[in-house]
């Protein structure tokens, strides 16, 4: 029977401090597998903005959440993050 071993990474704590490392590992794995289409969720745009730098040249889609989630007619994504994502091709 053929099998393949994969590495699993667990972080000591949750939070933004893990985002860059997570995206870096995701990019390495995408390169190994030849994946060029990337999707990330990003309510405020923090993760999306970082992903747009890490995955520059890839087909990056940033799912921004729904309008009015917390307040009517309000979007949670920070405008500067959205502009950065779009400027980097996301």
PDB file of N, CA and C in Angstrom:
ATOM      1  N   UNK A   1       0.840  -1.178   0.000  1.00  0.00           N
ATOM      2  CA  UNK A   1       0.000   0.000   0.000  1.00  0.00           C
ATOM      3  C   UNK A   1       0.890   1.249   0.000  1.00  0.00           C
ATOM      4  N   UNK A   2       0.601   2.167  -0.895  1.00  0.00           N
ATOM      5  CA  UNK A   2       1.365   3.417  -0.982  1.00  0.00           C
ATOM      6  C   UNK A   2       0.757   4.455  -0.042  1.00  0.00           C
ATOM      7  N   UNK A   3       1.598   5.248   0.537  1.00  0.00           N
ATOM      8  CA  UNK A   3       1.113   6.329   1.386  1.00  0.00           C
ATOM      9  C   UNK A   3       2.115   7.473   1.333  1.00  0.00           C
ATOM     10  N   UNK A   4       1.643   8.624   1.775  1.00  0.00           N
ATOM     11  CA  UNK A   4       2.487   9.808   1.815  1.00  0.00           C
ATOM     12  C   UNK A   4       2.319  10.469   3.171  1.00  0.00           C
ATOM     13  N   UNK A   5       3.416  10.798   3.780  1.00  0.00           N
ATOM     14  CA  UNK A   5       3.384  11.487   5.059  1.00  0.00           C
ATOM     15  C   UNK A   5       3.356  12.993   4.833  1.00  0.00           C
ATOM     16  N   UNK A   6       2.589  13.697   5.643  1.00  0.00           N
ATOM     17  CA  UNK A   6       2.514  15.150   5.570  1.00  0.00           C
ATOM     18  C   UNK A   6       2.837  15.734   6.935  1.00  0.00           C
ATOM     19  N   UNK A   7       3.377  16.905   6.925  1.00  0.00           N
ATOM     20  CA  UNK A   7       3.707  17.615   8.155  1.00  0.00           C
ATOM     21  C   UNK A   7       2.502  18.431   8.608  1.00  0.00           C
ATOM     22  N   UNK A   8       2.270  18.456   9.905  1.00  0.00           N
ATOM     23  CA  UNK A   8       1.218  19.281  10.504  1.00  0.00           C
ATOM     24  C   UNK A   8       1.876  20.259  11.464  1.00  0.00           C
ATOM     25  N   UNK A   9       1.452  21.515  11.404  1.00  0.00           N
ATOM     26  CA  UNK A   9       2.019  22.550  12.270  1.00  0.00           C
ATOM     27  C   UNK A   9       0.926  23.054  13.206  1.00  0.00           C
ATOM     28  N   UNK A  10       1.248  23.080  14.483  1.00  0.00           N
ATOM     29  CA  UNK A  10       0.355  23.643  15.487  1.00  0.00           C
ATOM     30  C   UNK A  10       1.045  24.849  16.107  1.00  0.00           C
ATOM     31  N   UNK A  11       0.307  25.949  16.238  1.00  0.00           N
ATOM     32  CA  UNK A  11       0.844  27.139  16.869  1.00  0.00           C
ATOM     33  C   UNK A  11       0.502  27.117  18.358  1.00  0.00           C
ATOM     34  N   UNK A  12       1.401  27.669  19.177  1.00  0.00           N
ATOM     35  CA  UNK A  12       1.167  27.733  20.618  1.00  0.00           C
ATOM     36  C   UNK A  12      -0.077  28.565  20.945  1.00  0.00           C
ATOM     37  N   UNK A  13      -0.234  29.693  20.229  1.00  0.00           N
ATOM     38  CA  UNK A  13      -1.349  30.608  20.472  1.00  0.00           C
ATOM     39  C   UNK A  13      -2.012  30.958  19.148  1.00  0.00           C
ATOM     40  N   UNK A  14      -3.235  31.396  19.235  1.00  0.00           N
ATOM     41  CA  UNK A  14      -3.931  31.850  18.032  1.00  0.00           C
ATOM     42  C   UNK A  14      -3.698  33.345  17.859  1.00  0.00           C
ATOM     43  N   UNK A  15      -3.956  33.844  16.669  1.00  0.00           N
ATOM     44  CA  UNK A  15      -3.880  35.283  16.476  1.00  0.00           C
ATOM     45  C   UNK A  15      -3.081  35.696  15.254  1.00  0.00           C
ATOM     46  N   UNK A  16      -3.041  37.013  15.062  1.00  0.00           N
ATOM     47  CA  UNK A  16      -2.389  37.609  13.900  1.00  0.00           C
ATOM     48  C   UNK A  16      -0.914  37.258  13.781  1.00  0.00           C
ATOM     49  N   UNK A  17      -0.272  36.969  14.904  1.00  0.00           N
ATOM     50  CA  UNK A  17       1.163  36.687  14.849  1.00  0.00           C
ATOM     51  C   UNK A  17       1.472  35.421  14.040  1.00  0.00           C
ATOM     52  N   UNK A  18       0.464  34.612  13.747  1.00  0.00           N
ATOM     53  CA  UNK A  18       0.667  33.385  12.971  1.00  0.00           C
ATOM     54  C   UNK A  18       0.369  33.555  11.488  1.00  0.00           C
ATOM     55  N   UNK A  19      -0.194  34.682  11.104  1.00  0.00           N
ATOM     56  CA  UNK A  19      -0.672  34.856   9.733  1.00  0.00           C
ATOM     57  C   UNK A  19       0.446  34.787   8.702  1.00  0.00           C
ATOM     58  N   UNK A  20       1.524  35.503   8.918  1.00  0.00           N
ATOM     59  CA  UNK A  20       2.616  35.498   7.934  1.00  0.00           C
ATOM     60  C   UNK A  20       3.204  34.103   7.756  1.00  0.00           C
ATOM     61  N   UNK A  21       3.446  33.405   8.861  1.00  0.00           N
ATOM     62  CA  UNK A  21       4.002  32.050   8.792  1.00  0.00           C
ATOM     63  C   UNK A  21       3.035  31.110   8.076  1.00  0.00           C
ATOM     64  N   UNK A  22       1.748  31.241   8.379  1.00  0.00           N
ATOM     65  CA  UNK A  22       0.738  30.399   7.743  1.00  0.00           C
ATOM     66  C   UNK A  22       0.708  30.624   6.237  1.00  0.00           C
ATOM     67  N   UNK A  23       0.734  31.887   5.822  1.00  0.00           N
ATOM     68  CA  UNK A  23       0.727  32.189   4.389  1.00  0.00           C
ATOM     69  C   UNK A  23       1.996  31.702   3.712  1.00  0.00           C
ATOM     70  N   UNK A  24       3.115  31.827   4.385  1.00  0.00           N
ATOM     71  CA  UNK A  24       4.381  31.340   3.841  1.00  0.00           C
ATOM     72  C   UNK A  24       4.340  29.824   3.633  1.00  0.00           C
ATOM     73  N   UNK A  25       3.820  29.104   4.615  1.00  0.00           N
ATOM     74  CA  UNK A  25       3.703  27.648   4.484  1.00  0.00           C
ATOM     75  C   UNK A  25       2.715  27.274   3.383  1.00  0.00           C
ATOM     76  N   UNK A  26       1.623  28.029   3.277  1.00  0.00           N
ATOM     77  CA  UNK A  26       0.634  27.767   2.234  1.00  0.00           C
ATOM     78  C   UNK A  26       1.238  27.982   0.854  1.00  0.00           C
ATOM     79  N   UNK A  27       2.059  29.018   0.714  1.00  0.00           N
ATOM     80  CA  UNK A  27       2.702  29.272  -0.580  1.00  0.00           C
ATOM     81  C   UNK A  27       3.666  28.140  -0.934  1.00  0.00           C
ATOM     82  N   UNK A  28       4.439  27.688   0.031  1.00  0.00           N
ATOM     83  CA  UNK A  28       5.364  26.580  -0.219  1.00  0.00           C
ATOM     84  C   UNK A  28       4.602  25.345  -0.691  1.00  0.00           C
ATOM     85  N   UNK A  29       3.502  25.050  -0.045  1.00  0.00           N
ATOM     86  CA  UNK A  29       2.704  23.877  -0.421  1.00  0.00           C
ATOM     87  C   UNK A  29       2.059  24.075  -1.785  1.00  0.00           C
ATOM     88  N   UNK A  30       1.569  25.269  -2.065  1.00  0.00           N
ATOM     89  CA  UNK A  30       0.985  25.556  -3.380  1.00  0.00           C
ATOM     90  C   UNK A  30       2.027  25.353  -4.476  1.00  0.00           C
ATOM     91  N   UNK A  31       3.246  25.797  -4.222  1.00  0.00           N
ATOM     92  CA  UNK A  31       4.322  25.607  -5.203  1.00  0.00           C
ATOM     93  C   UNK A  31       4.621  24.128  -5.421  1.00  0.00           C
ATOM     94  N   UNK A  32       4.653  23.344  -4.336  1.00  0.00           N
ATOM     95  CA  UNK A  32       4.890  21.899  -4.443  1.00  0.00           C
ATOM     96  C   UNK A  32       3.842  21.222  -5.319  1.00  0.00           C
ATOM     97  N   UNK A  33       2.597  21.664  -5.182  1.00  0.00           N
ATOM     98  CA  UNK A  33       1.476  21.023  -5.877  1.00  0.00           C
ATOM     99  C   UNK A  33       1.115  21.697  -7.197  1.00  0.00           C
ATOM    100  N   UNK A  34       1.778  22.795  -7.518  1.00  0.00           N
ATOM    101  CA  UNK A  34       1.470  23.508  -8.760  1.00  0.00           C
ATOM    102  C   UNK A  34       0.143  24.252  -8.716  1.00  0.00           C
ATOM    103  N   UNK A  35      -0.271  24.652  -7.534  1.00  0.00           N
ATOM    104  CA  UNK A  35      -1.538  25.375  -7.375  1.00  0.00           C
ATOM    105  C   UNK A  35      -1.304  26.858  -7.623  1.00  0.00           C
ATOM    106  N   UNK A  36      -2.115  27.452  -8.473  1.00  0.00           N
ATOM    107  CA  UNK A  36      -1.993  28.876  -8.802  1.00  0.00           C
ATOM    108  C   UNK A  36      -3.226  29.682  -8.403  1.00  0.00           C
ATOM    109  N   UNK A  37      -4.304  29.018  -7.988  1.00  0.00           N
ATOM    110  CA  UNK A  37      -5.536  29.686  -7.563  1.00  0.00           C
ATOM    111  C   UNK A  37      -5.636  29.612  -6.047  1.00  0.00           C
ATOM    112  N   UNK A  38      -5.671  30.768  -5.414  1.00  0.00           N
ATOM    113  CA  UNK A  38      -5.650  30.858  -3.957  1.00  0.00           C
ATOM    114  C   UNK A  38      -6.871  31.643  -3.479  1.00  0.00           C
ATOM    115  N   UNK A  39      -7.529  31.147  -2.425  1.00  0.00           N
ATOM    116  CA  UNK A  39      -8.663  31.842  -1.818  1.00  0.00           C
ATOM    117  C   UNK A  39      -8.382  32.003  -0.331  1.00  0.00           C
ATOM    118  N   UNK A  40      -8.529  33.226   0.184  1.00  0.00           N
ATOM    119  CA  UNK A  40      -8.395  33.472   1.621  1.00  0.00           C
ATOM    120  C   UNK A  40      -9.597  34.279   2.098  1.00  0.00           C
ATOM    121  N   UNK A  41      -9.973  34.058   3.343  1.00  0.00           N
ATOM    122  CA  UNK A  41     -11.026  34.854   3.980  1.00  0.00           C
ATOM    123  C   UNK A  41     -10.359  35.988   4.746  1.00  0.00           C
ATOM    124  N   UNK A  42     -10.958  37.171   4.693  1.00  0.00           N
ATOM    125  CA  UNK A  42     -10.338  38.319   5.345  1.00  0.00           C
ATOM    126  C   UNK A  42     -11.385  39.393   5.592  1.00  0.00           C
ATOM    127  N   UNK A  43     -11.896  39.461   6.812  1.00  0.00           N
ATOM    128  CA  UNK A  43     -12.935  40.447   7.112  1.00  0.00           C
ATOM    129  C   UNK A  43     -12.407  41.873   7.114  1.00  0.00           C
ATOM    130  N   UNK A  44     -11.308  42.127   7.811  1.00  0.00           N
ATOM    131  CA  UNK A  44     -10.789  43.497   7.878  1.00  0.00           C
ATOM    132  C   UNK A  44      -9.815  43.796   6.759  1.00  0.00           C
ATOM    133  N   UNK A  45      -9.363  42.751   6.065  1.00  0.00           N
ATOM    134  CA  UNK A  45      -8.402  42.932   4.990  1.00  0.00           C
ATOM    135  C   UNK A  45      -6.968  42.682   5.416  1.00  0.00           C
ATOM    136  N   UNK A  46      -6.732  42.456   6.700  1.00  0.00           N
ATOM    137  CA  UNK A  46      -5.373  42.223   7.194  1.00  0.00           C
ATOM    138  C   UNK A  46      -4.751  41.007   6.504  1.00  0.00           C
ATOM    139  N   UNK A  47      -5.426  39.879   6.576  1.00  0.00           N
ATOM    140  CA  UNK A  47      -4.916  38.657   5.950  1.00  0.00           C
ATOM    141  C   UNK A  47      -4.876  38.809   4.436  1.00  0.00           C
ATOM    142  N   UNK A  48      -5.878  39.421   3.872  1.00  0.00           N
ATOM    143  CA  UNK A  48      -5.924  39.618   2.423  1.00  0.00           C
ATOM    144  C   UNK A  48      -4.771  40.464   1.918  1.00  0.00           C
ATOM    145  N   UNK A  49      -4.444  41.520   2.644  1.00  0.00           N
ATOM    146  CA  UNK A  49      -3.341  42.398   2.250  1.00  0.00           C
ATOM    147  C   UNK A  49      -2.007  41.644   2.311  1.00  0.00           C
ATOM    148  N   UNK A  50      -1.804  40.868   3.369  1.00  0.00           N
ATOM    149  CA  UNK A  50      -0.572  40.062   3.466  1.00  0.00           C
ATOM    150  C   UNK A  50      -0.536  39.013   2.362  1.00  0.00           C
ATOM    151  N   UNK A  51      -1.662  38.358   2.134  1.00  0.00           N
ATOM    152  CA  UNK A  51      -1.733  37.331   1.091  1.00  0.00           C
ATOM    153  C   UNK A  51      -1.452  37.928  -0.281  1.00  0.00           C
ATOM    154  N   UNK A  52      -1.883  39.157  -0.508  1.00  0.00           N
ATOM    155  CA  UNK A  52      -1.661  39.787  -1.809  1.00  0.00           C
ATOM    156  C   UNK A  52      -0.182  40.056  -2.068  1.00  0.00           C
ATOM    157  N   UNK A  53       0.597  40.153  -1.006  1.00  0.00           N
ATOM    158  CA  UNK A  53       2.048  40.293  -1.157  1.00  0.00           C
ATOM    159  C   UNK A  53       2.697  38.926  -1.343  1.00  0.00           C
ATOM    160  N   UNK A  54       2.327  37.980  -0.493  1.00  0.00           N
ATOM    161  CA  UNK A  54       2.913  36.635  -0.546  1.00  0.00           C
ATOM    162  C   UNK A  54       2.584  35.937  -1.857  1.00  0.00           C
ATOM    163  N   UNK A  55       1.345  36.075  -2.310  1.00  0.00           N
ATOM    164  CA  UNK A  55       0.882  35.376  -3.510  1.00  0.00           C
ATOM    165  C   UNK A  55       0.824  36.283  -4.743  1.00  0.00           C
ATOM    166  N   UNK A  56       1.688  37.272  -4.800  1.00  0.00           N
ATOM    167  CA  UNK A  56       1.738  38.159  -5.968  1.00  0.00           C
ATOM    168  C   UNK A  56       2.041  37.315  -7.201  1.00  0.00           C
ATOM    169  N   UNK A  57       1.267  37.499  -8.255  1.00  0.00           N
ATOM    170  CA  UNK A  57       1.443  36.717  -9.476  1.00  0.00           C
ATOM    171  C   UNK A  57       0.547  35.486  -9.539  1.00  0.00           C
ATOM    172  N   UNK A  58      -0.121  35.165  -8.442  1.00  0.00           N
ATOM    173  CA  UNK A  58      -1.085  34.068  -8.410  1.00  0.00           C
ATOM    174  C   UNK A  58      -2.476  34.634  -8.672  1.00  0.00           C
ATOM    175  N   UNK A  59      -3.430  33.765  -8.905  1.00  0.00           N
ATOM    176  CA  UNK A  59      -4.827  34.176  -8.992  1.00  0.00           C
ATOM    177  C   UNK A  59      -5.374  34.164  -7.573  1.00  0.00           C
ATOM    178  N   UNK A  60      -5.386  35.311  -6.925  1.00  0.00           N
ATOM    179  CA  UNK A  60      -5.800  35.423  -5.535  1.00  0.00           C
ATOM    180  C   UNK A  60      -7.205  36.003  -5.428  1.00  0.00           C
ATOM    181  N   UNK A  61      -8.068  35.303  -4.696  1.00  0.00           N
ATOM    182  CA  UNK A  61      -9.413  35.791  -4.386  1.00  0.00           C
ATOM    183  C   UNK A  61      -9.489  35.975  -2.878  1.00  0.00           C
ATOM    184  N   UNK A  62      -9.902  37.161  -2.459  1.00  0.00           N
ATOM    185  CA  UNK A  62     -10.063  37.455  -1.036  1.00  0.00           C
ATOM    186  C   UNK A  62     -11.558  37.564  -0.753  1.00  0.00           C
ATOM    187  N   UNK A  63     -12.055  36.644   0.050  1.00  0.00           N
ATOM    188  CA  UNK A  63     -13.462  36.662   0.449  1.00  0.00           C
ATOM    189  C   UNK A  63     -13.595  37.607   1.633  1.00  0.00           C
ATOM    190  N   UNK A  64     -14.349  38.678   1.439  1.00  0.00           N
ATOM    191  CA  UNK A  64     -14.366  39.769   2.409  1.00  0.00           C
ATOM    192  C   UNK A  64     -15.525  39.721   3.399  1.00  0.00           C
ATOM    193  N   UNK A  65     -16.345  38.730   3.376  1.00  0.00           N
ATOM    194  CA  UNK A  65     -17.474  38.707   4.299  1.00  0.00           C
ATOM    195  C   UNK A  65     -18.636  39.516   3.754  1.00  0.00           C
ATOM    196  N   UNK A  66     -19.730  39.491   4.466  1.00  0.00           N
ATOM    197  CA  UNK A  66     -20.928  40.150   3.949  1.00  0.00           C
ATOM    198  C   UNK A  66     -21.087  41.573   4.479  1.00  0.00           C
ATOM    199  N   UNK A  67     -21.680  42.383   3.666  1.00  0.00           N
ATOM    200  CA  UNK A  67     -21.978  43.765   4.027  1.00  0.00           C
ATOM    201  C   UNK A  67     -23.022  43.779   5.136  1.00  0.00           C
ATOM    202  N   UNK A  68     -22.825  44.599   6.136  1.00  0.00           N
ATOM    203  CA  UNK A  68     -23.797  44.752   7.204  1.00  0.00           C
ATOM    204  C   UNK A  68     -23.763  43.655   8.251  1.00  0.00           C
ATOM    205  N   UNK A  69     -22.681  42.917   8.346  1.00  0.00           N
ATOM    206  CA  UNK A  69     -22.582  41.817   9.308  1.00  0.00           C
ATOM    207  C   UNK A  69     -22.754  42.312  10.736  1.00  0.00           C
ATOM    208  N   UNK A  70     -22.086  43.392  11.069  1.00  0.00           N
ATOM    209  CA  UNK A  70     -22.186  43.942  12.433  1.00  0.00           C
ATOM    210  C   UNK A  70     -23.123  45.137  12.504  1.00  0.00           C
ATOM    211  N   UNK A  71     -23.045  45.994  11.478  1.00  0.00           N
ATOM    212  CA  UNK A  71     -23.890  47.186  11.435  1.00  0.00           C
ATOM    213  C   UNK A  71     -24.476  47.313  10.043  1.00  0.00           C
ATOM    214  N   UNK A  72     -25.720  47.769   9.919  1.00  0.00           N
ATOM    215  CA  UNK A  72     -26.337  47.919   8.606  1.00  0.00           C
ATOM    216  C   UNK A  72     -25.495  48.805   7.683  1.00  0.00           C
ATOM    217  N   UNK A  73     -25.355  48.379   6.457  1.00  0.00           N
ATOM    218  CA  UNK A  73     -24.666  49.129   5.401  1.00  0.00           C
ATOM    219  C   UNK A  73     -23.195  49.413   5.698  1.00  0.00           C
ATOM    220  N   UNK A  74     -22.588  48.638   6.589  1.00  0.00           N
ATOM    221  CA  UNK A  74     -21.179  48.846   6.924  1.00  0.00           C
ATOM    222  C   UNK A  74     -20.365  47.622   6.512  1.00  0.00           C
ATOM    223  N   UNK A  75     -19.226  47.891   5.918  1.00  0.00           N
ATOM    224  CA  UNK A  75     -18.307  46.838   5.516  1.00  0.00           C
ATOM    225  C   UNK A  75     -17.160  46.829   6.506  1.00  0.00           C
ATOM    226  N   UNK A  76     -16.699  45.653   6.927  1.00  0.00           N
ATOM    227  CA  UNK A  76     -15.644  45.565   7.933  1.00  0.00           C
ATOM    228  C   UNK A  76     -14.245  45.734   7.346  1.00  0.00           C
ATOM    229  N   UNK A  77     -14.111  45.585   6.022  1.00  0.00           N
ATOM    230  CA  UNK A  77     -12.780  45.685   5.439  1.00  0.00           C
ATOM    231  C   UNK A  77     -12.291  47.128   5.471  1.00  0.00           C
ATOM    232  N   UNK A  78     -11.081  47.297   5.953  1.00  0.00           N
ATOM    233  CA  UNK A  78     -10.449  48.614   6.017  1.00  0.00           C
ATOM    234  C   UNK A  78     -10.058  49.022   4.599  1.00  0.00           C
ATOM    235  N   UNK A  79     -10.406  50.250   4.231  1.00  0.00           N
ATOM    236  CA  UNK A  79     -10.196  50.731   2.863  1.00  0.00           C
ATOM    237  C   UNK A  79      -8.743  50.591   2.418  1.00  0.00           C
ATOM    238  N   UNK A  80      -7.787  50.906   3.269  1.00  0.00           N
ATOM    239  CA  UNK A  80      -6.368  50.813   2.901  1.00  0.00           C
ATOM    240  C   UNK A  80      -5.983  49.376   2.563  1.00  0.00           C
ATOM    241  N   UNK A  81      -6.538  48.411   3.297  1.00  0.00           N
ATOM    242  CA  UNK A  81      -6.256  47.005   3.007  1.00  0.00           C
ATOM    243  C   UNK A  81      -6.852  46.600   1.668  1.00  0.00           C
ATOM    244  N   UNK A  82      -8.063  47.038   1.401  1.00  0.00           N
ATOM    245  CA  UNK A  82      -8.713  46.722   0.124  1.00  0.00           C
ATOM    246  C   UNK A  82      -7.896  47.304  -1.037  1.00  0.00           C
ATOM    247  N   UNK A  83      -7.462  48.536  -0.881  1.00  0.00           N
ATOM    248  CA  UNK A  83      -6.656  49.175  -1.938  1.00  0.00           C
ATOM    249  C   UNK A  83      -5.362  48.414  -2.175  1.00  0.00           C
ATOM    250  N   UNK A  84      -4.720  47.944  -1.110  1.00  0.00           N
ATOM    251  CA  UNK A  84      -3.478  47.187  -1.236  1.00  0.00           C
ATOM    252  C   UNK A  84      -3.714  45.862  -1.944  1.00  0.00           C
ATOM    253  N   UNK A  85      -4.798  45.171  -1.573  1.00  0.00           N
ATOM    254  CA  UNK A  85      -5.150  43.900  -2.213  1.00  0.00           C
ATOM    255  C   UNK A  85      -5.347  44.123  -3.710  1.00  0.00           C
ATOM    256  N   UNK A  86      -6.116  45.116  -4.055  1.00  0.00           N
ATOM    257  CA  UNK A  86      -6.405  45.394  -5.468  1.00  0.00           C
ATOM    258  C   UNK A  86      -5.139  45.837  -6.216  1.00  0.00           C
ATOM    259  N   UNK A  87      -4.311  46.647  -5.581  1.00  0.00           N
ATOM    260  CA  UNK A  87      -3.064  47.109  -6.224  1.00  0.00           C
ATOM    261  C   UNK A  87      -2.123  45.940  -6.516  1.00  0.00           C
ATOM    262  N   UNK A  88      -2.181  44.908  -5.656  1.00  0.00           N
ATOM    263  CA  UNK A  88      -1.330  43.737  -5.844  1.00  0.00           C
ATOM    264  C   UNK A  88      -1.969  42.666  -6.718  1.00  0.00           C
ATOM    265  N   UNK A  89      -3.140  42.964  -7.289  1.00  0.00           N
ATOM    266  CA  UNK A  89      -3.762  42.041  -8.227  1.00  0.00           C
ATOM    267  C   UNK A  89      -4.770  41.085  -7.631  1.00  0.00           C
ATOM    268  N   UNK A  90      -5.099  41.254  -6.355  1.00  0.00           N
ATOM    269  CA  UNK A  90      -6.091  40.372  -5.716  1.00  0.00           C
ATOM    270  C   UNK A  90      -7.494  40.839  -5.970  1.00  0.00           C
TER     271      UNK A  90
END
